[in-house]
Amino acid sequence: MKIFGLELRFNGFRIYHEGDKPTPSEIGAAASNHTHTTMGAASASVAGKAGLVPAPPAGKQGQFLRG
């Protein structure tokens, strides 16, 4: 929030109002074009791929996620 061109802060945090809202990047939002890799399924003989969880080793397909 700016009054007379000065940015207002409280305890080090910027103060906003409905006419001066933060942008998504200012509050730490990810860019709209970011992606995540998909976890590949593991089987008894093939290891899975890492994604949002660690890669499950072969034979441990139920170790992290069970779907």
N, C-alpha and C. Protein backbone atom coordinates (compact mmCIF):
# COMPACT_ATOMS: atom_id res chain seq x y z
N MET A 1 0.86 -1.16 0.00
CA MET A 1 0.00 0.00 0.00
C MET A 1 0.90 1.23 0.00
N LYS A 2 0.60 2.15 -0.86
CA LYS A 2 1.40 3.37 -0.92
C LYS A 2 0.56 4.58 -0.55
N ILE A 3 1.10 5.39 0.30
CA ILE A 3 0.48 6.66 0.67
C ILE A 3 1.53 7.74 0.42
N PHE A 4 1.17 8.70 -0.39
CA PHE A 4 2.10 9.77 -0.78
C PHE A 4 3.37 9.20 -1.39
N GLY A 5 3.22 8.09 -2.15
CA GLY A 5 4.35 7.47 -2.82
C GLY A 5 5.23 6.60 -1.94
N LEU A 6 4.88 6.47 -0.66
CA LEU A 6 5.67 5.64 0.25
C LEU A 6 5.00 4.30 0.47
N GLU A 7 5.78 3.24 0.40
CA GLU A 7 5.25 1.90 0.63
C GLU A 7 5.10 1.64 2.12
N LEU A 8 3.92 1.19 2.54
CA LEU A 8 3.69 0.92 3.95
C LEU A 8 4.04 -0.53 4.29
N ARG A 9 4.65 -0.71 5.44
CA ARG A 9 5.02 -2.05 5.92
C ARG A 9 4.68 -2.17 7.38
N PHE A 10 4.39 -3.40 7.81
CA PHE A 10 4.13 -3.70 9.21
C PHE A 10 4.97 -4.91 9.56
N ASN A 11 5.84 -4.79 10.56
CA ASN A 11 6.76 -5.86 10.94
C ASN A 11 7.54 -6.40 9.75
N GLY A 12 7.88 -5.54 8.82
CA GLY A 12 8.68 -5.93 7.66
C GLY A 12 7.88 -6.46 6.49
N PHE A 13 6.55 -6.61 6.65
CA PHE A 13 5.72 -7.14 5.59
C PHE A 13 4.96 -6.00 4.90
N ARG A 14 4.90 -6.08 3.57
CA ARG A 14 4.22 -5.07 2.80
C ARG A 14 2.72 -5.13 3.05
N ILE A 15 2.07 -3.99 3.14
CA ILE A 15 0.63 -3.91 3.36
C ILE A 15 -0.06 -3.69 2.02
N TYR A 16 -1.10 -4.50 1.75
CA TYR A 16 -1.85 -4.40 0.50
C TYR A 16 -3.27 -3.97 0.80
N HIS A 17 -3.96 -3.47 -0.23
CA HIS A 17 -5.39 -3.19 -0.14
C HIS A 17 -5.99 -3.57 -1.49
N GLU A 18 -7.31 -3.52 -1.63
CA GLU A 18 -7.93 -4.04 -2.84
C GLU A 18 -7.51 -3.29 -4.11
N GLY A 19 -7.03 -2.08 -3.99
CA GLY A 19 -6.55 -1.35 -5.16
C GLY A 19 -5.06 -1.56 -5.43
N ASP A 20 -4.40 -2.31 -4.58
CA ASP A 20 -2.95 -2.55 -4.69
C ASP A 20 -2.68 -4.00 -4.27
N LYS A 21 -3.11 -4.94 -5.09
CA LYS A 21 -2.96 -6.36 -4.77
C LYS A 21 -1.63 -6.88 -5.29
N PRO A 22 -1.04 -7.87 -4.59
CA PRO A 22 0.22 -8.45 -5.06
C PRO A 22 0.00 -9.30 -6.30
N THR A 23 1.03 -9.42 -7.10
CA THR A 23 0.97 -10.32 -8.26
C THR A 23 1.22 -11.74 -7.76
N PRO A 24 0.83 -12.77 -8.51
CA PRO A 24 1.09 -14.14 -8.08
C PRO A 24 2.58 -14.40 -7.81
N SER A 25 3.46 -13.83 -8.64
CA SER A 25 4.89 -14.07 -8.41
C SER A 25 5.38 -13.39 -7.14
N GLU A 26 4.75 -12.28 -6.73
CA GLU A 26 5.15 -11.61 -5.50
C GLU A 26 4.81 -12.43 -4.25
N ILE A 27 3.83 -13.31 -4.36
CA ILE A 27 3.48 -14.13 -3.20
C ILE A 27 4.01 -15.55 -3.32
N GLY A 28 4.87 -15.81 -4.33
CA GLY A 28 5.56 -17.09 -4.43
C GLY A 28 4.87 -18.14 -5.28
N ALA A 29 3.88 -17.76 -6.08
CA ALA A 29 3.20 -18.72 -6.94
C ALA A 29 4.12 -19.14 -8.09
N ALA A 30 3.99 -20.38 -8.50
CA ALA A 30 4.77 -20.88 -9.63
C ALA A 30 4.23 -20.31 -10.92
N ALA A 31 5.07 -20.22 -11.92
CA ALA A 31 4.65 -19.74 -13.23
C ALA A 31 3.60 -20.68 -13.81
N SER A 32 2.69 -20.16 -14.60
CA SER A 32 1.60 -20.98 -15.13
C SER A 32 2.09 -22.04 -16.11
N ASN A 33 3.29 -21.91 -16.63
CA ASN A 33 3.80 -22.89 -17.59
C ASN A 33 4.75 -23.91 -16.96
N HIS A 34 4.84 -23.98 -15.63
CA HIS A 34 5.72 -24.96 -15.02
C HIS A 34 5.09 -26.36 -15.10
N THR A 35 5.90 -27.38 -15.03
CA THR A 35 5.40 -28.75 -15.12
C THR A 35 6.05 -29.62 -14.05
N HIS A 36 5.46 -30.77 -13.85
CA HIS A 36 6.02 -31.80 -12.97
C HIS A 36 6.13 -33.08 -13.78
N THR A 37 7.17 -33.83 -13.53
CA THR A 37 7.27 -35.10 -14.22
C THR A 37 6.35 -36.10 -13.56
N THR A 38 5.84 -37.01 -14.34
CA THR A 38 4.93 -38.03 -13.83
C THR A 38 5.73 -39.22 -13.34
N MET A 39 5.33 -39.74 -12.21
CA MET A 39 6.01 -40.92 -11.67
C MET A 39 5.65 -42.12 -12.52
N GLY A 40 6.65 -42.80 -13.03
CA GLY A 40 6.43 -44.01 -13.80
C GLY A 40 6.21 -45.18 -12.84
N ALA A 41 5.34 -46.05 -13.20
CA ALA A 41 5.01 -47.19 -12.34
C ALA A 41 6.16 -48.18 -12.28
N ALA A 42 6.38 -48.69 -11.11
CA ALA A 42 7.36 -49.76 -10.93
C ALA A 42 6.63 -51.09 -11.02
N SER A 43 7.36 -52.12 -11.35
CA SER A 43 6.80 -53.47 -11.36
C SER A 43 7.77 -54.38 -10.62
N ALA A 44 7.48 -55.63 -10.62
CA ALA A 44 8.35 -56.58 -9.92
C ALA A 44 9.74 -56.64 -10.54
N SER A 45 9.84 -56.30 -11.84
CA SER A 45 11.13 -56.42 -12.50
C SER A 45 11.70 -55.11 -13.02
N VAL A 46 10.92 -54.03 -13.03
CA VAL A 46 11.37 -52.76 -13.59
C VAL A 46 11.23 -51.67 -12.54
N ALA A 47 12.29 -50.87 -12.37
CA ALA A 47 12.23 -49.75 -11.44
C ALA A 47 11.36 -48.64 -12.02
N GLY A 48 10.75 -47.86 -11.17
CA GLY A 48 9.92 -46.75 -11.62
C GLY A 48 10.76 -45.51 -11.87
N LYS A 49 10.09 -44.44 -12.29
CA LYS A 49 10.75 -43.16 -12.53
C LYS A 49 10.43 -42.21 -11.40
N ALA A 50 11.39 -41.35 -11.03
CA ALA A 50 11.16 -40.36 -9.99
C ALA A 50 10.27 -39.26 -10.56
N GLY A 51 9.42 -38.71 -9.72
CA GLY A 51 8.57 -37.60 -10.10
C GLY A 51 8.36 -36.75 -8.86
N LEU A 52 7.14 -36.74 -8.36
CA LEU A 52 6.85 -36.02 -7.14
C LEU A 52 7.23 -36.82 -5.89
N VAL A 53 7.56 -38.06 -6.08
CA VAL A 53 8.04 -38.93 -5.00
C VAL A 53 9.33 -39.60 -5.48
N PRO A 54 10.11 -40.21 -4.57
CA PRO A 54 11.33 -40.90 -5.01
C PRO A 54 10.99 -42.05 -5.96
N ALA A 55 11.95 -42.41 -6.77
CA ALA A 55 11.76 -43.52 -7.70
C ALA A 55 11.69 -44.84 -6.93
N PRO A 56 10.59 -45.59 -7.08
CA PRO A 56 10.52 -46.88 -6.39
C PRO A 56 11.40 -47.91 -7.09
N PRO A 57 12.16 -48.68 -6.33
CA PRO A 57 12.99 -49.71 -6.95
C PRO A 57 12.13 -50.87 -7.45
N ALA A 58 12.69 -51.67 -8.34
CA ALA A 58 11.98 -52.83 -8.86
C ALA A 58 11.58 -53.74 -7.70
N GLY A 59 10.35 -54.22 -7.73
CA GLY A 59 9.85 -55.10 -6.69
C GLY A 59 9.26 -54.37 -5.50
N LYS A 60 9.41 -53.04 -5.43
CA LYS A 60 8.89 -52.25 -4.30
C LYS A 60 7.85 -51.25 -4.81
N GLN A 61 7.02 -51.68 -5.79
CA GLN A 61 6.11 -50.76 -6.43
C GLN A 61 5.06 -50.16 -5.48
N GLY A 62 4.79 -50.76 -4.36
CA GLY A 62 3.83 -50.20 -3.41
C GLY A 62 4.46 -49.43 -2.27
N GLN A 63 5.78 -49.20 -2.33
CA GLN A 63 6.49 -48.60 -1.23
C GLN A 63 6.07 -47.14 -0.99
N PHE A 64 5.86 -46.34 -2.04
CA PHE A 64 5.60 -44.92 -1.87
C PHE A 64 4.13 -44.57 -2.11
N LEU A 65 3.58 -45.02 -3.20
CA LEU A 65 2.18 -44.74 -3.52
C LEU A 65 1.50 -46.04 -3.94
N ARG A 66 0.26 -46.14 -3.57
CA ARG A 66 -0.51 -47.29 -4.01
C ARG A 66 -1.79 -46.73 -4.60
N GLY A 67 -2.07 -47.04 -5.87
CA GLY A 67 -3.23 -46.42 -6.51
C GLY A 67 -4.22 -47.38 -7.04
